[in-house]
Amino acid sequence: MPIADIVKYGVIFILWIGLIEFMTFKLGLLETGQWKVFSVFHIVLRALTICILAPLTEEIFFRGLLYTQLNKKFGWKAALFLPAILFTIFHLNGGKGWENIFVIIVFIDAVFYAFIRHKTNSIYITILLHALGNSIAVIERLW
């Protein structure tokens, strides 16, 4: 995995996250302070799950197994978009997520992860970026 790829896609992702954070702040949708009511143990458990376990398992499944099989059968464009749609559905929030702007953001993230997977033929960068994005979301909930 070339370091140039990590830097290039990392910068693009950080710019994307910055834009999203700015937009959600300006629209009053930034979800801060939600976890202040939890115990330290609960916060640590959630943070480990969201920042490490989820990126690992989701990237292995969506950009690893699913992408690979769809790419073999239908080509890289189907492998880019079909897992992104499933990833988005997987991240819906109890039925109320459809009208939420975050559905669009999750879909764009998923397409971006799949594009990186396509360009680098690796899920390592997508795991790192997914973990970074989730870590920012965790920090917001503690802020």
N, C-alpha and C. Protein backbone atom coordinates (compact mmCIF):
# COMPACT_ATOMS: atom_id res chain seq x y z
N MET A 1 0.86 -1.17 0.00
CA MET A 1 0.00 0.00 0.00
C MET A 1 0.91 1.23 0.00
N PRO A 2 0.96 1.93 -1.13
CA PRO A 2 1.84 3.10 -1.21
C PRO A 2 1.40 4.23 -0.27
N ILE A 3 2.38 4.84 0.37
CA ILE A 3 2.11 5.94 1.29
C ILE A 3 1.45 7.11 0.55
N ALA A 4 1.76 7.26 -0.74
CA ALA A 4 1.15 8.34 -1.53
C ALA A 4 -0.36 8.17 -1.59
N ASP A 5 -0.84 6.93 -1.69
CA ASP A 5 -2.29 6.67 -1.71
C ASP A 5 -2.92 7.04 -0.37
N ILE A 6 -2.25 6.68 0.70
CA ILE A 6 -2.78 7.00 2.03
C ILE A 6 -2.90 8.51 2.19
N VAL A 7 -1.86 9.23 1.78
CA VAL A 7 -1.87 10.69 1.90
C VAL A 7 -2.94 11.29 0.99
N LYS A 8 -2.96 10.88 -0.27
CA LYS A 8 -3.91 11.44 -1.24
C LYS A 8 -5.35 11.24 -0.80
N TYR A 9 -5.72 10.01 -0.51
CA TYR A 9 -7.10 9.72 -0.13
C TYR A 9 -7.42 10.23 1.27
N GLY A 10 -6.41 10.26 2.12
CA GLY A 10 -6.60 10.81 3.46
C GLY A 10 -6.92 12.30 3.40
N VAL A 11 -6.21 13.05 2.56
CA VAL A 11 -6.47 14.49 2.42
C VAL A 11 -7.86 14.71 1.84
N ILE A 12 -8.22 13.97 0.83
CA ILE A 12 -9.56 14.11 0.23
C ILE A 12 -10.63 13.83 1.28
N PHE A 13 -10.45 12.76 2.05
CA PHE A 13 -11.43 12.39 3.06
C PHE A 13 -11.52 13.45 4.16
N ILE A 14 -10.40 13.97 4.59
CA ILE A 14 -10.40 15.00 5.63
C ILE A 14 -11.11 16.26 5.13
N LEU A 15 -10.88 16.62 3.87
CA LEU A 15 -11.59 17.77 3.30
C LEU A 15 -13.10 17.50 3.26
N TRP A 16 -13.48 16.30 2.89
CA TRP A 16 -14.89 15.91 2.86
C TRP A 16 -15.50 15.99 4.26
N ILE A 17 -14.81 15.42 5.23
CA ILE A 17 -15.30 15.46 6.62
C ILE A 17 -15.42 16.91 7.09
N GLY A 18 -14.43 17.73 6.75
CA GLY A 18 -14.49 19.15 7.13
C GLY A 18 -15.69 19.84 6.53
N LEU A 19 -15.98 19.57 5.27
CA LEU A 19 -17.15 20.15 4.62
C LEU A 19 -18.44 19.70 5.30
N ILE A 20 -18.54 18.42 5.58
CA ILE A 20 -19.73 17.87 6.24
C ILE A 20 -19.90 18.47 7.62
N GLU A 21 -18.83 18.55 8.38
CA GLU A 21 -18.91 19.12 9.72
C GLU A 21 -19.37 20.58 9.66
N PHE A 22 -18.82 21.33 8.72
CA PHE A 22 -19.22 22.73 8.56
C PHE A 22 -20.70 22.84 8.20
N MET A 23 -21.12 22.02 7.22
CA MET A 23 -22.52 22.07 6.79
C MET A 23 -23.48 21.67 7.91
N THR A 24 -23.17 20.60 8.61
CA THR A 24 -24.08 20.15 9.67
C THR A 24 -24.10 21.16 10.82
N PHE A 25 -22.98 21.81 11.08
CA PHE A 25 -22.94 22.86 12.10
C PHE A 25 -23.81 24.03 11.69
N LYS A 26 -23.65 24.48 10.45
CA LYS A 26 -24.43 25.62 9.94
C LYS A 26 -25.92 25.32 9.88
N LEU A 27 -26.27 24.08 9.61
CA LEU A 27 -27.68 23.69 9.54
C LEU A 27 -28.25 23.33 10.92
N GLY A 28 -27.41 23.36 11.94
CA GLY A 28 -27.87 23.03 13.28
C GLY A 28 -28.09 21.55 13.49
N LEU A 29 -27.42 20.71 12.71
CA LEU A 29 -27.61 19.26 12.79
C LEU A 29 -26.46 18.53 13.48
N LEU A 30 -25.46 19.28 13.88
CA LEU A 30 -24.30 18.65 14.52
C LEU A 30 -24.73 18.03 15.84
N GLU A 31 -24.49 16.74 15.98
CA GLU A 31 -24.94 15.98 17.15
C GLU A 31 -23.84 15.95 18.20
N THR A 32 -23.81 16.95 19.08
CA THR A 32 -22.77 17.00 20.09
C THR A 32 -23.33 16.69 21.48
N GLY A 33 -22.45 16.21 22.34
CA GLY A 33 -22.79 16.02 23.75
C GLY A 33 -23.76 14.92 24.09
N GLN A 34 -24.10 14.06 23.15
CA GLN A 34 -25.10 13.03 23.40
C GLN A 34 -24.65 11.98 24.42
N TRP A 35 -23.36 11.80 24.59
CA TRP A 35 -22.87 10.72 25.44
C TRP A 35 -22.47 11.18 26.83
N LYS A 36 -22.70 12.41 27.16
CA LYS A 36 -22.30 12.92 28.47
C LYS A 36 -23.00 12.20 29.62
N VAL A 37 -24.11 11.56 29.34
CA VAL A 37 -24.87 10.87 30.38
C VAL A 37 -24.36 9.46 30.64
N PHE A 38 -23.45 8.95 29.81
CA PHE A 38 -22.97 7.58 29.94
C PHE A 38 -21.79 7.49 30.91
N SER A 39 -21.61 6.31 31.48
CA SER A 39 -20.45 6.06 32.33
C SER A 39 -19.19 5.95 31.45
N VAL A 40 -18.03 6.08 32.08
CA VAL A 40 -16.77 5.97 31.35
C VAL A 40 -16.66 4.60 30.69
N PHE A 41 -17.02 3.56 31.40
CA PHE A 41 -16.97 2.20 30.84
C PHE A 41 -17.84 2.10 29.58
N HIS A 42 -19.06 2.63 29.65
CA HIS A 42 -19.99 2.60 28.53
C HIS A 42 -19.41 3.38 27.34
N ILE A 43 -18.83 4.53 27.61
CA ILE A 43 -18.23 5.34 26.54
C ILE A 43 -17.06 4.61 25.90
N VAL A 44 -16.20 4.02 26.70
CA VAL A 44 -15.04 3.29 26.17
C VAL A 44 -15.51 2.11 25.32
N LEU A 45 -16.48 1.37 25.81
CA LEU A 45 -17.01 0.23 25.06
C LEU A 45 -17.62 0.68 23.73
N ARG A 46 -18.42 1.73 23.76
CA ARG A 46 -19.01 2.25 22.52
C ARG A 46 -17.92 2.74 21.57
N ALA A 47 -16.96 3.48 22.10
CA ALA A 47 -15.89 4.04 21.26
C ALA A 47 -15.08 2.93 20.59
N LEU A 48 -14.72 1.90 21.34
CA LEU A 48 -13.98 0.79 20.75
C LEU A 48 -14.79 0.09 19.67
N THR A 49 -16.06 -0.10 19.92
CA THR A 49 -16.92 -0.74 18.94
C THR A 49 -17.05 0.11 17.68
N ILE A 50 -17.30 1.38 17.86
CA ILE A 50 -17.56 2.28 16.72
C ILE A 50 -16.28 2.62 15.96
N CYS A 51 -15.18 2.79 16.68
CA CYS A 51 -13.94 3.25 16.04
C CYS A 51 -13.04 2.12 15.53
N ILE A 52 -13.19 0.92 16.08
CA ILE A 52 -12.32 -0.18 15.67
C ILE A 52 -13.11 -1.35 15.09
N LEU A 53 -14.01 -1.90 15.86
CA LEU A 53 -14.75 -3.09 15.43
C LEU A 53 -15.61 -2.83 14.20
N ALA A 54 -16.38 -1.75 14.21
CA ALA A 54 -17.26 -1.47 13.08
C ALA A 54 -16.49 -1.23 11.78
N PRO A 55 -15.46 -0.37 11.77
CA PRO A 55 -14.72 -0.20 10.51
C PRO A 55 -14.10 -1.51 10.00
N LEU A 56 -13.56 -2.30 10.91
CA LEU A 56 -12.96 -3.58 10.49
C LEU A 56 -13.99 -4.51 9.86
N THR A 57 -15.07 -4.76 10.59
CA THR A 57 -16.05 -5.72 10.10
C THR A 57 -16.79 -5.20 8.87
N GLU A 58 -17.17 -3.93 8.88
CA GLU A 58 -17.92 -3.38 7.75
C GLU A 58 -17.06 -3.32 6.49
N GLU A 59 -15.81 -2.92 6.62
CA GLU A 59 -14.95 -2.87 5.43
C GLU A 59 -14.61 -4.26 4.91
N ILE A 60 -14.38 -5.20 5.81
CA ILE A 60 -14.12 -6.57 5.36
C ILE A 60 -15.33 -7.10 4.60
N PHE A 61 -16.53 -6.84 5.11
CA PHE A 61 -17.73 -7.35 4.44
C PHE A 61 -18.06 -6.55 3.18
N PHE A 62 -18.25 -5.23 3.30
CA PHE A 62 -18.75 -4.43 2.18
C PHE A 62 -17.70 -4.20 1.10
N ARG A 63 -16.48 -3.80 1.47
CA ARG A 63 -15.45 -3.50 0.48
C ARG A 63 -14.50 -4.67 0.26
N GLY A 64 -14.60 -5.69 1.09
CA GLY A 64 -13.79 -6.89 0.90
C GLY A 64 -14.58 -7.96 0.17
N LEU A 65 -15.39 -8.69 0.91
CA LEU A 65 -16.12 -9.82 0.34
C LEU A 65 -17.14 -9.42 -0.72
N LEU A 66 -18.03 -8.51 -0.38
CA LEU A 66 -19.10 -8.12 -1.30
C LEU A 66 -18.55 -7.45 -2.56
N TYR A 67 -17.64 -6.50 -2.37
CA TYR A 67 -17.03 -5.82 -3.52
C TYR A 67 -16.36 -6.83 -4.44
N THR A 68 -15.57 -7.72 -3.88
CA THR A 68 -14.83 -8.70 -4.68
C THR A 68 -15.77 -9.57 -5.50
N GLN A 69 -16.82 -10.10 -4.89
CA GLN A 69 -17.75 -10.97 -5.60
C GLN A 69 -18.51 -10.21 -6.70
N LEU A 70 -18.99 -9.01 -6.37
CA LEU A 70 -19.73 -8.23 -7.36
C LEU A 70 -18.84 -7.77 -8.49
N ASN A 71 -17.61 -7.45 -8.19
CA ASN A 71 -16.66 -7.04 -9.23
C ASN A 71 -16.39 -8.18 -10.21
N LYS A 72 -16.25 -9.39 -9.67
CA LYS A 72 -16.04 -10.55 -10.53
C LYS A 72 -17.24 -10.82 -11.44
N LYS A 73 -18.43 -10.69 -10.86
CA LYS A 73 -19.66 -11.04 -11.58
C LYS A 73 -20.18 -9.94 -12.49
N PHE A 74 -20.16 -8.68 -11.98
CA PHE A 74 -20.84 -7.60 -12.70
C PHE A 74 -19.94 -6.41 -13.06
N GLY A 75 -18.71 -6.42 -12.62
CA GLY A 75 -17.80 -5.32 -12.91
C GLY A 75 -17.70 -4.33 -11.76
N TRP A 76 -16.70 -3.46 -11.86
CA TRP A 76 -16.38 -2.57 -10.74
C TRP A 76 -17.45 -1.53 -10.45
N LYS A 77 -18.22 -1.09 -11.45
CA LYS A 77 -19.25 -0.07 -11.18
C LYS A 77 -20.36 -0.63 -10.30
N ALA A 78 -20.78 -1.86 -10.57
CA ALA A 78 -21.78 -2.50 -9.71
C ALA A 78 -21.19 -2.75 -8.33
N ALA A 79 -19.91 -3.13 -8.30
CA ALA A 79 -19.25 -3.37 -7.03
C ALA A 79 -19.07 -2.09 -6.23
N LEU A 80 -19.10 -0.98 -6.91
CA LEU A 80 -18.99 0.32 -6.24
C LEU A 80 -20.32 0.72 -5.61
N PHE A 81 -21.41 0.60 -6.39
CA PHE A 81 -22.69 1.15 -5.95
C PHE A 81 -23.59 0.20 -5.16
N LEU A 82 -23.63 -1.06 -5.50
CA LEU A 82 -24.51 -1.98 -4.78
C LEU A 82 -24.14 -2.12 -3.30
N PRO A 83 -22.86 -2.33 -2.97
CA PRO A 83 -22.51 -2.36 -1.55
C PRO A 83 -22.77 -1.01 -0.85
N ALA A 84 -22.61 0.09 -1.59
CA ALA A 84 -22.88 1.41 -1.00
C ALA A 84 -24.35 1.56 -0.63
N ILE A 85 -25.21 1.04 -1.47
CA ILE A 85 -26.65 1.09 -1.17
C ILE A 85 -26.95 0.23 0.06
N LEU A 86 -26.38 -0.98 0.10
CA LEU A 86 -26.59 -1.86 1.25
C LEU A 86 -25.99 -1.27 2.53
N PHE A 87 -24.83 -0.68 2.41
CA PHE A 87 -24.17 -0.03 3.55
C PHE A 87 -25.06 1.09 4.10
N THR A 88 -25.66 1.86 3.21
CA THR A 88 -26.54 2.96 3.61
C THR A 88 -27.78 2.42 4.31
N ILE A 89 -28.39 1.40 3.74
CA ILE A 89 -29.57 0.78 4.37
C ILE A 89 -29.21 0.25 5.75
N PHE A 90 -28.04 -0.36 5.85
CA PHE A 90 -27.55 -0.91 7.12
C PHE A 90 -27.42 0.18 8.19
N HIS A 91 -27.15 1.42 7.76
CA HIS A 91 -26.93 2.52 8.68
C HIS A 91 -28.17 3.40 8.91
N LEU A 92 -29.31 2.99 8.40
CA LEU A 92 -30.53 3.76 8.67
C LEU A 92 -30.85 3.73 10.14
N ASN A 93 -31.41 4.80 10.63
CA ASN A 93 -31.66 4.94 12.06
C ASN A 93 -33.12 4.66 12.39
N GLY A 94 -33.47 3.41 12.55
CA GLY A 94 -34.81 3.02 13.01
C GLY A 94 -35.97 3.56 12.19
N GLY A 95 -35.82 3.65 10.88
CA GLY A 95 -36.93 4.11 10.04
C GLY A 95 -37.00 5.60 9.86
N LYS A 96 -36.45 6.38 10.82
CA LYS A 96 -36.51 7.83 10.66
C LYS A 96 -35.31 8.36 9.88
N GLY A 97 -34.43 7.46 9.49
CA GLY A 97 -33.23 7.88 8.79
C GLY A 97 -33.44 8.34 7.36
N TRP A 98 -34.51 7.92 6.71
CA TRP A 98 -34.71 8.27 5.30
C TRP A 98 -34.81 9.77 5.09
N GLU A 99 -35.43 10.47 6.02
CA GLU A 99 -35.57 11.90 5.81
C GLU A 99 -34.38 12.67 6.38
N ASN A 100 -33.38 11.99 6.79
CA ASN A 100 -32.22 12.59 7.42
C ASN A 100 -31.12 12.82 6.39
N ILE A 101 -30.48 13.98 6.42
CA ILE A 101 -29.39 14.32 5.49
C ILE A 101 -28.23 13.34 5.63
N PHE A 102 -28.12 12.70 6.80
CA PHE A 102 -27.00 11.80 7.03
C PHE A 102 -27.05 10.54 6.15
N VAL A 103 -28.21 10.20 5.66
CA VAL A 103 -28.32 9.06 4.73
C VAL A 103 -27.50 9.36 3.47
N ILE A 104 -27.59 10.57 2.98
CA ILE A 104 -26.83 10.98 1.79
C ILE A 104 -25.34 10.95 2.09
N ILE A 105 -24.97 11.44 3.27
CA ILE A 105 -23.56 11.46 3.65
C ILE A 105 -23.01 10.04 3.76
N VAL A 106 -23.76 9.14 4.37
CA VAL A 106 -23.32 7.75 4.51
C VAL A 106 -23.16 7.11 3.13
N PHE A 107 -24.08 7.39 2.23
CA PHE A 107 -23.98 6.83 0.88
C PHE A 107 -22.72 7.35 0.17
N ILE A 108 -22.47 8.64 0.26
CA ILE A 108 -21.27 9.22 -0.38
C ILE A 108 -20.01 8.63 0.24
N ASP A 109 -20.01 8.48 1.57
CA ASP A 109 -18.86 7.83 2.23
C ASP A 109 -18.65 6.43 1.67
N ALA A 110 -19.72 5.67 1.55
CA ALA A 110 -19.62 4.29 1.08
C ALA A 110 -19.11 4.22 -0.35
N VAL A 111 -19.57 5.13 -1.21
CA VAL A 111 -19.07 5.18 -2.59
C VAL A 111 -17.59 5.55 -2.59
N PHE A 112 -17.22 6.51 -1.75
CA PHE A 112 -15.82 6.92 -1.66
C PHE A 112 -14.94 5.75 -1.20
N TYR A 113 -15.38 5.04 -0.17
CA TYR A 113 -14.61 3.88 0.30
C TYR A 113 -14.46 2.84 -0.82
N ALA A 114 -15.52 2.60 -1.55
CA ALA A 114 -15.47 1.61 -2.64
C ALA A 114 -14.57 2.10 -3.77
N PHE A 115 -14.59 3.40 -4.05
CA PHE A 115 -13.72 3.96 -5.08
C PHE A 115 -12.25 3.76 -4.69
N ILE A 116 -11.94 4.02 -3.42
CA ILE A 116 -10.57 3.80 -2.94
C ILE A 116 -10.21 2.33 -3.04
N ARG A 117 -11.15 1.48 -2.69
CA ARG A 117 -10.94 0.02 -2.81
C ARG A 117 -10.62 -0.35 -4.26
N HIS A 118 -11.36 0.24 -5.19
CA HIS A 118 -11.16 -0.02 -6.61
C HIS A 118 -9.79 0.47 -7.07
N LYS A 119 -9.44 1.69 -6.67
CA LYS A 119 -8.19 2.30 -7.13
C LYS A 119 -6.95 1.64 -6.52
N THR A 120 -7.04 1.22 -5.27
CA THR A 120 -5.86 0.68 -4.58
C THR A 120 -5.85 -0.84 -4.51
N ASN A 121 -6.99 -1.46 -4.81
CA ASN A 121 -7.14 -2.90 -4.69
C ASN A 121 -6.82 -3.39 -3.27
N SER A 122 -7.19 -2.55 -2.29
CA SER A 122 -6.91 -2.85 -0.89
C SER A 122 -8.02 -2.28 -0.02
N ILE A 123 -8.27 -2.94 1.10
CA ILE A 123 -9.24 -2.38 2.06
C ILE A 123 -8.55 -1.71 3.24
N TYR A 124 -7.23 -1.74 3.28
CA TYR A 124 -6.53 -1.17 4.43
C TYR A 124 -6.76 0.34 4.56
N ILE A 125 -6.70 1.05 3.46
CA ILE A 125 -6.94 2.50 3.52
C ILE A 125 -8.39 2.77 3.88
N THR A 126 -9.31 1.98 3.35
CA THR A 126 -10.72 2.21 3.67
C THR A 126 -10.99 1.95 5.15
N ILE A 127 -10.33 0.96 5.71
CA ILE A 127 -10.48 0.69 7.14
C ILE A 127 -9.99 1.89 7.95
N LEU A 128 -8.82 2.41 7.59
CA LEU A 128 -8.26 3.57 8.31
C LEU A 128 -9.17 4.80 8.20
N LEU A 129 -9.66 5.08 6.99
CA LEU A 129 -10.51 6.25 6.81
C LEU A 129 -11.86 6.08 7.50
N HIS A 130 -12.41 4.89 7.43
CA HIS A 130 -13.67 4.61 8.11
C HIS A 130 -13.49 4.80 9.62
N ALA A 131 -12.39 4.31 10.15
CA ALA A 131 -12.10 4.49 11.58
C ALA A 131 -11.94 5.97 11.92
N LEU A 132 -11.30 6.72 11.06
CA LEU A 132 -11.15 8.16 11.28
C LEU A 132 -12.50 8.86 11.30
N GLY A 133 -13.34 8.57 10.32
CA GLY A 133 -14.67 9.18 10.26
C GLY A 133 -15.50 8.83 11.49
N ASN A 134 -15.47 7.58 11.89
CA ASN A 134 -16.22 7.16 13.07
C ASN A 134 -15.65 7.80 14.35
N SER A 135 -14.34 7.96 14.40
CA SER A 135 -13.71 8.59 15.57
C SER A 135 -14.16 10.04 15.71
N ILE A 136 -14.27 10.74 14.61
CA ILE A 136 -14.75 12.12 14.64
C ILE A 136 -16.19 12.16 15.17
N ALA A 137 -17.01 11.21 14.72
CA ALA A 137 -18.40 11.14 15.21
C ALA A 137 -18.45 10.87 16.71
N VAL A 138 -17.56 10.02 17.20
CA VAL A 138 -17.51 9.73 18.64
C VAL A 138 -17.10 10.98 19.42
N ILE A 139 -16.09 11.67 18.94
CA ILE A 139 -15.63 12.90 19.60
C ILE A 139 -16.75 13.91 19.69
N GLU A 140 -17.53 14.04 18.61
CA GLU A 140 -18.66 14.99 18.61
C GLU A 140 -19.66 14.64 19.71
N ARG A 141 -19.89 13.37 19.91
CA ARG A 141 -20.87 12.95 20.90
C ARG A 141 -20.37 13.16 22.33
N LEU A 142 -19.08 13.32 22.47
CA LEU A 142 -18.50 13.60 23.78
C LEU A 142 -18.33 15.10 24.03
N TRP A 143 -18.29 15.87 22.99
CA TRP A 143 -17.99 17.32 23.02
C TRP A 143 -18.98 18.08 23.81
